[in-house]
Amino acid sequence: MTTHTTLHDHTNYDADDYAYLTAKGWSDDEILARWNAEAKDGKGPCRWQSESARSKLATVTGRK
């Protein structure tokens, strides 16, 4: 089982991304697999910075 520390220390960790994925029902193991795959492909963390991304995040998690 994935620990919170493992996720928090991951190069692709972003608190908003984690909140969004967990709100959508993703398990920690599924999130870790996604972030590992994205990192392997050279993609950095999702930062939820655009206005449309922030709106989507707020709708799903209540975060603004």
PDB file of N, CA and C in Angstrom:
ATOM      1  N   MET A   1       0.837  -1.185   0.000  1.00  0.00           N
ATOM      2  CA  MET A   1       0.000   0.000   0.000  1.00  0.00           C
ATOM      3  C   MET A   1       0.880   1.245   0.000  1.00  0.00           C
ATOM      4  N   THR A   2       0.461   2.235  -0.747  1.00  0.00           N
ATOM      5  CA  THR A   2       1.177   3.492  -0.847  1.00  0.00           C
ATOM      6  C   THR A   2       0.951   4.313   0.419  1.00  0.00           C
ATOM      7  N   THR A   3       2.002   4.922   0.913  1.00  0.00           N
ATOM      8  CA  THR A   3       1.864   5.772   2.094  1.00  0.00           C
ATOM      9  C   THR A   3       1.756   7.235   1.670  1.00  0.00           C
ATOM     10  N   HIS A   4       1.216   8.047   2.548  1.00  0.00           N
ATOM     11  CA  HIS A   4       1.099   9.475   2.275  1.00  0.00           C
ATOM     12  C   HIS A   4       2.485  10.080   2.035  1.00  0.00           C
ATOM     13  N   THR A   5       3.483   9.642   2.782  1.00  0.00           N
ATOM     14  CA  THR A   5       4.838  10.163   2.618  1.00  0.00           C
ATOM     15  C   THR A   5       5.373   9.853   1.229  1.00  0.00           C
ATOM     16  N   THR A   6       5.111   8.645   0.734  1.00  0.00           N
ATOM     17  CA  THR A   6       5.555   8.270  -0.608  1.00  0.00           C
ATOM     18  C   THR A   6       4.955   9.220  -1.635  1.00  0.00           C
ATOM     19  N   LEU A   7       3.682   9.515  -1.511  1.00  0.00           N
ATOM     20  CA  LEU A   7       3.034  10.431  -2.442  1.00  0.00           C
ATOM     21  C   LEU A   7       3.543  11.853  -2.274  1.00  0.00           C
ATOM     22  N   HIS A   8       3.627  12.309  -1.039  1.00  0.00           N
ATOM     23  CA  HIS A   8       4.051  13.689  -0.775  1.00  0.00           C
ATOM     24  C   HIS A   8       5.470  13.941  -1.263  1.00  0.00           C
ATOM     25  N   ASP A   9       6.321  12.951  -1.234  1.00  0.00           N
ATOM     26  CA  ASP A   9       7.710  13.105  -1.668  1.00  0.00           C
ATOM     27  C   ASP A   9       7.903  12.848  -3.163  1.00  0.00           C
ATOM     28  N   HIS A  10       6.848  12.472  -3.870  1.00  0.00           N
ATOM     29  CA  HIS A  10       6.950  12.161  -5.300  1.00  0.00           C
ATOM     30  C   HIS A  10       7.236  13.443  -6.089  1.00  0.00           C
ATOM     31  N   THR A  11       8.030  13.328  -7.142  1.00  0.00           N
ATOM     32  CA  THR A  11       8.371  14.504  -7.951  1.00  0.00           C
ATOM     33  C   THR A  11       7.141  15.133  -8.609  1.00  0.00           C
ATOM     34  N   ASN A  12       6.085  14.389  -8.806  1.00  0.00           N
ATOM     35  CA  ASN A  12       4.880  14.913  -9.439  1.00  0.00           C
ATOM     36  C   ASN A  12       3.790  15.274  -8.427  1.00  0.00           C
ATOM     37  N   TYR A  13       4.130  15.301  -7.159  1.00  0.00           N
ATOM     38  CA  TYR A  13       3.140  15.653  -6.127  1.00  0.00           C
ATOM     39  C   TYR A  13       2.703  17.101  -6.278  1.00  0.00           C
ATOM     40  N   ASP A  14       1.425  17.324  -6.202  1.00  0.00           N
ATOM     41  CA  ASP A  14       0.830  18.644  -6.106  1.00  0.00           C
ATOM     42  C   ASP A  14      -0.414  18.476  -5.236  1.00  0.00           C
ATOM     43  N   ALA A  15      -0.550  19.270  -4.207  1.00  0.00           N
ATOM     44  CA  ALA A  15      -1.660  19.109  -3.260  1.00  0.00           C
ATOM     45  C   ALA A  15      -3.019  19.208  -3.952  1.00  0.00           C
ATOM     46  N   ASP A  16      -3.146  20.137  -4.894  1.00  0.00           N
ATOM     47  CA  ASP A  16      -4.418  20.272  -5.605  1.00  0.00           C
ATOM     48  C   ASP A  16      -4.696  19.051  -6.482  1.00  0.00           C
ATOM     49  N   ASP A  17      -3.677  18.551  -7.147  1.00  0.00           N
ATOM     50  CA  ASP A  17      -3.851  17.372  -7.994  1.00  0.00           C
ATOM     51  C   ASP A  17      -4.254  16.170  -7.142  1.00  0.00           C
ATOM     52  N   TYR A  18      -3.589  16.011  -6.004  1.00  0.00           N
ATOM     53  CA  TYR A  18      -3.933  14.914  -5.098  1.00  0.00           C
ATOM     54  C   TYR A  18      -5.381  15.049  -4.613  1.00  0.00           C
ATOM     55  N   ALA A  19      -5.775  16.254  -4.238  1.00  0.00           N
ATOM     56  CA  ALA A  19      -7.151  16.481  -3.762  1.00  0.00           C
ATOM     57  C   ALA A  19      -8.158  16.170  -4.862  1.00  0.00           C
ATOM     58  N   TYR A  20      -7.862  16.588  -6.079  1.00  0.00           N
ATOM     59  CA  TYR A  20      -8.765  16.340  -7.203  1.00  0.00           C
ATOM     60  C   TYR A  20      -8.911  14.841  -7.459  1.00  0.00           C
ATOM     61  N   LEU A  21      -7.790  14.148  -7.550  1.00  0.00           N
ATOM     62  CA  LEU A  21      -7.843  12.715  -7.869  1.00  0.00           C
ATOM     63  C   LEU A  21      -8.534  11.915  -6.767  1.00  0.00           C
ATOM     64  N   THR A  22      -8.268  12.240  -5.505  1.00  0.00           N
ATOM     65  CA  THR A  22      -8.936  11.506  -4.426  1.00  0.00           C
ATOM     66  C   THR A  22     -10.435  11.811  -4.416  1.00  0.00           C
ATOM     67  N   ALA A  23     -10.802  13.055  -4.718  1.00  0.00           N
ATOM     68  CA  ALA A  23     -12.225  13.406  -4.778  1.00  0.00           C
ATOM     69  C   ALA A  23     -12.926  12.653  -5.905  1.00  0.00           C
ATOM     70  N   LYS A  24     -12.191  12.330  -6.950  1.00  0.00           N
ATOM     71  CA  LYS A  24     -12.743  11.566  -8.065  1.00  0.00           C
ATOM     72  C   LYS A  24     -12.757  10.065  -7.780  1.00  0.00           C
ATOM     73  N   GLY A  25     -12.239   9.657  -6.610  1.00  0.00           N
ATOM     74  CA  GLY A  25     -12.302   8.261  -6.211  1.00  0.00           C
ATOM     75  C   GLY A  25     -11.047   7.448  -6.477  1.00  0.00           C
ATOM     76  N   TRP A  26      -9.967   8.103  -6.868  1.00  0.00           N
ATOM     77  CA  TRP A  26      -8.719   7.395  -7.122  1.00  0.00           C
ATOM     78  C   TRP A  26      -8.090   6.964  -5.789  1.00  0.00           C
ATOM     79  N   SER A  27      -7.540   5.774  -5.772  1.00  0.00           N
ATOM     80  CA  SER A  27      -6.810   5.300  -4.592  1.00  0.00           C
ATOM     81  C   SER A  27      -5.385   5.857  -4.637  1.00  0.00           C
ATOM     82  N   ASP A  28      -4.697   5.819  -3.504  1.00  0.00           N
ATOM     83  CA  ASP A  28      -3.302   6.265  -3.459  1.00  0.00           C
ATOM     84  C   ASP A  28      -2.440   5.447  -4.416  1.00  0.00           C
ATOM     85  N   ASP A  29      -2.697   4.151  -4.516  1.00  0.00           N
ATOM     86  CA  ASP A  29      -1.919   3.309  -5.425  1.00  0.00           C
ATOM     87  C   ASP A  29      -2.149   3.707  -6.885  1.00  0.00           C
ATOM     88  N   GLU A  30      -3.385   4.046  -7.225  1.00  0.00           N
ATOM     89  CA  GLU A  30      -3.690   4.490  -8.593  1.00  0.00           C
ATOM     90  C   GLU A  30      -3.020   5.837  -8.887  1.00  0.00           C
ATOM     91  N   ILE A  31      -3.040   6.721  -7.926  1.00  0.00           N
ATOM     92  CA  ILE A  31      -2.392   8.028  -8.096  1.00  0.00           C
ATOM     93  C   ILE A  31      -0.893   7.846  -8.284  1.00  0.00           C
ATOM     94  N   LEU A  32      -0.285   7.008  -7.464  1.00  0.00           N
ATOM     95  CA  LEU A  32       1.148   6.756  -7.584  1.00  0.00           C
ATOM     96  C   LEU A  32       1.478   6.191  -8.964  1.00  0.00           C
ATOM     97  N   ALA A  33       0.691   5.253  -9.457  1.00  0.00           N
ATOM     98  CA  ALA A  33       0.933   4.673 -10.778  1.00  0.00           C
ATOM     99  C   ALA A  33       0.837   5.754 -11.861  1.00  0.00           C
ATOM    100  N   ARG A  34      -0.164   6.628 -11.750  1.00  0.00           N
ATOM    101  CA  ARG A  34      -0.322   7.712 -12.730  1.00  0.00           C
ATOM    102  C   ARG A  34       0.876   8.647 -12.691  1.00  0.00           C
ATOM    103  N   TRP A  35       1.244   9.094 -11.494  1.00  0.00           N
ATOM    104  CA  TRP A  35       2.372  10.019 -11.381  1.00  0.00           C
ATOM    105  C   TRP A  35       3.673   9.373 -11.841  1.00  0.00           C
ATOM    106  N   ASN A  36       3.858   8.096 -11.552  1.00  0.00           N
ATOM    107  CA  ASN A  36       5.064   7.403 -12.038  1.00  0.00           C
ATOM    108  C   ASN A  36       5.092   7.377 -13.561  1.00  0.00           C
ATOM    109  N   ALA A  37       3.950   7.069 -14.179  1.00  0.00           N
ATOM    110  CA  ALA A  37       3.878   7.012 -15.643  1.00  0.00           C
ATOM    111  C   ALA A  37       4.130   8.397 -16.243  1.00  0.00           C
ATOM    112  N   GLU A  38       3.536   9.420 -15.658  1.00  0.00           N
ATOM    113  CA  GLU A  38       3.741  10.776 -16.166  1.00  0.00           C
ATOM    114  C   GLU A  38       5.199  11.200 -16.022  1.00  0.00           C
ATOM    115  N   ALA A  39       5.800  10.900 -14.885  1.00  0.00           N
ATOM    116  CA  ALA A  39       7.207  11.252 -14.673  1.00  0.00           C
ATOM    117  C   ALA A  39       8.101  10.507 -15.664  1.00  0.00           C
ATOM    118  N   LYS A  40       7.790   9.253 -15.915  1.00  0.00           N
ATOM    119  CA  LYS A  40       8.574   8.452 -16.867  1.00  0.00           C
ATOM    120  C   LYS A  40       8.503   9.057 -18.268  1.00  0.00           C
ATOM    121  N   ASP A  41       7.352   9.655 -18.603  1.00  0.00           N
ATOM    122  CA  ASP A  41       7.168  10.297 -19.906  1.00  0.00           C
ATOM    123  C   ASP A  41       7.709  11.726 -19.938  1.00  0.00           C
ATOM    124  N   GLY A  42       8.338  12.149 -18.839  1.00  0.00           N
ATOM    125  CA  GLY A  42       8.931  13.480 -18.784  1.00  0.00           C
ATOM    126  C   GLY A  42       7.959  14.586 -18.444  1.00  0.00           C
ATOM    127  N   LYS A  43       6.769  14.224 -17.987  1.00  0.00           N
ATOM    128  CA  LYS A  43       5.766  15.226 -17.614  1.00  0.00           C
ATOM    129  C   LYS A  43       5.904  15.561 -16.137  1.00  0.00           C
ATOM    130  N   GLY A  44       5.873  16.836 -15.836  1.00  0.00           N
ATOM    131  CA  GLY A  44       5.938  17.282 -14.454  1.00  0.00           C
ATOM    132  C   GLY A  44       4.567  17.260 -13.809  1.00  0.00           C
ATOM    133  N   PRO A  45       4.488  17.758 -12.590  1.00  0.00           N
ATOM    134  CA  PRO A  45       3.217  17.746 -11.868  1.00  0.00           C
ATOM    135  C   PRO A  45       2.178  18.670 -12.483  1.00  0.00           C
ATOM    136  N   CYS A  46       0.949  18.296 -12.312  1.00  0.00           N
ATOM    137  CA  CYS A  46      -0.181  19.124 -12.725  1.00  0.00           C
ATOM    138  C   CYS A  46      -0.325  20.231 -11.684  1.00  0.00           C
ATOM    139  N   ARG A  47      -0.314  21.472 -12.131  1.00  0.00           N
ATOM    140  CA  ARG A  47      -0.342  22.594 -11.183  1.00  0.00           C
ATOM    141  C   ARG A  47      -1.684  23.302 -11.073  1.00  0.00           C
ATOM    142  N   TRP A  48      -2.657  22.983 -11.893  1.00  0.00           N
ATOM    143  CA  TRP A  48      -4.002  23.549 -11.775  1.00  0.00           C
ATOM    144  C   TRP A  48      -3.963  25.070 -11.727  1.00  0.00           C
ATOM    145  N   GLN A  49      -3.242  25.699 -12.658  1.00  0.00           N
ATOM    146  CA  GLN A  49      -3.044  27.144 -12.602  1.00  0.00           C
ATOM    147  C   GLN A  49      -3.976  27.956 -13.504  1.00  0.00           C
ATOM    148  N   SER A  50      -4.427  27.382 -14.592  1.00  0.00           N
ATOM    149  CA  SER A  50      -5.285  28.160 -15.488  1.00  0.00           C
ATOM    150  C   SER A  50      -6.646  28.395 -14.837  1.00  0.00           C
ATOM    151  N   GLU A  51      -7.340  29.384 -15.337  1.00  0.00           N
ATOM    152  CA  GLU A  51      -8.664  29.704 -14.784  1.00  0.00           C
ATOM    153  C   GLU A  51      -9.627  28.525 -14.934  1.00  0.00           C
ATOM    154  N   SER A  52      -9.592  27.871 -16.096  1.00  0.00           N
ATOM    155  CA  SER A  52     -10.497  26.737 -16.304  1.00  0.00           C
ATOM    156  C   SER A  52     -10.131  25.557 -15.398  1.00  0.00           C
ATOM    157  N   ALA A  53      -8.842  25.349 -15.182  1.00  0.00           N
ATOM    158  CA  ALA A  53      -8.413  24.267 -14.287  1.00  0.00           C
ATOM    159  C   ALA A  53      -8.840  24.568 -12.854  1.00  0.00           C
ATOM    160  N   ARG A  54      -8.669  25.816 -12.410  1.00  0.00           N
ATOM    161  CA  ARG A  54      -9.067  26.193 -11.047  1.00  0.00           C
ATOM    162  C   ARG A  54     -10.574  26.036 -10.863  1.00  0.00           C
ATOM    163  N   SER A  55     -11.338  26.348 -11.895  1.00  0.00           N
ATOM    164  CA  SER A  55     -12.788  26.196 -11.836  1.00  0.00           C
ATOM    165  C   SER A  55     -13.169  24.724 -11.709  1.00  0.00           C
ATOM    166  N   LYS A  56     -12.515  23.878 -12.501  1.00  0.00           N
ATOM    167  CA  LYS A  56     -12.762  22.431 -12.443  1.00  0.00           C
ATOM    168  C   LYS A  56     -12.394  21.889 -11.062  1.00  0.00           C
ATOM    169  N   LEU A  57     -11.251  22.315 -10.534  1.00  0.00           N
ATOM    170  CA  LEU A  57     -10.812  21.895  -9.203  1.00  0.00           C
ATOM    171  C   LEU A  57     -11.827  22.302  -8.145  1.00  0.00           C
ATOM    172  N   ALA A  58     -12.292  23.546  -8.219  1.00  0.00           N
ATOM    173  CA  ALA A  58     -13.270  24.039  -7.235  1.00  0.00           C
ATOM    174  C   ALA A  58     -14.567  23.257  -7.303  1.00  0.00           C
ATOM    175  N   THR A  59     -15.005  22.910  -8.502  1.00  0.00           N
ATOM    176  CA  THR A  59     -16.248  22.165  -8.668  1.00  0.00           C
ATOM    177  C   THR A  59     -16.148  20.793  -8.016  1.00  0.00           C
ATOM    178  N   VAL A  60     -15.011  20.146  -8.172  1.00  0.00           N
ATOM    179  CA  VAL A  60     -14.850  18.775  -7.677  1.00  0.00           C
ATOM    180  C   VAL A  60     -14.474  18.728  -6.197  1.00  0.00           C
ATOM    181  N   THR A  61     -13.623  19.658  -5.756  1.00  0.00           N
ATOM    182  CA  THR A  61     -13.076  19.572  -4.398  1.00  0.00           C
ATOM    183  C   THR A  61     -13.522  20.681  -3.458  1.00  0.00           C
ATOM    184  N   GLY A  62     -14.003  21.763  -3.994  1.00  0.00           N
ATOM    185  CA  GLY A  62     -14.309  22.927  -3.171  1.00  0.00           C
ATOM    186  C   GLY A  62     -13.105  23.829  -2.979  1.00  0.00           C
ATOM    187  N   ARG A  63     -11.937  23.416  -3.490  1.00  0.00           N
ATOM    188  CA  ARG A  63     -10.725  24.256  -3.406  1.00  0.00           C
ATOM    189  C   ARG A  63     -10.792  25.330  -4.482  1.00  0.00           C
ATOM    190  N   LYS A  64     -10.254  26.479  -4.181  1.00  0.00           N
ATOM    191  CA  LYS A  64     -10.232  27.578  -5.155  1.00  0.00           C
ATOM    192  C   LYS A  64      -8.838  27.992  -5.502  1.00  0.00           C
TER     193      LYS A  64
END
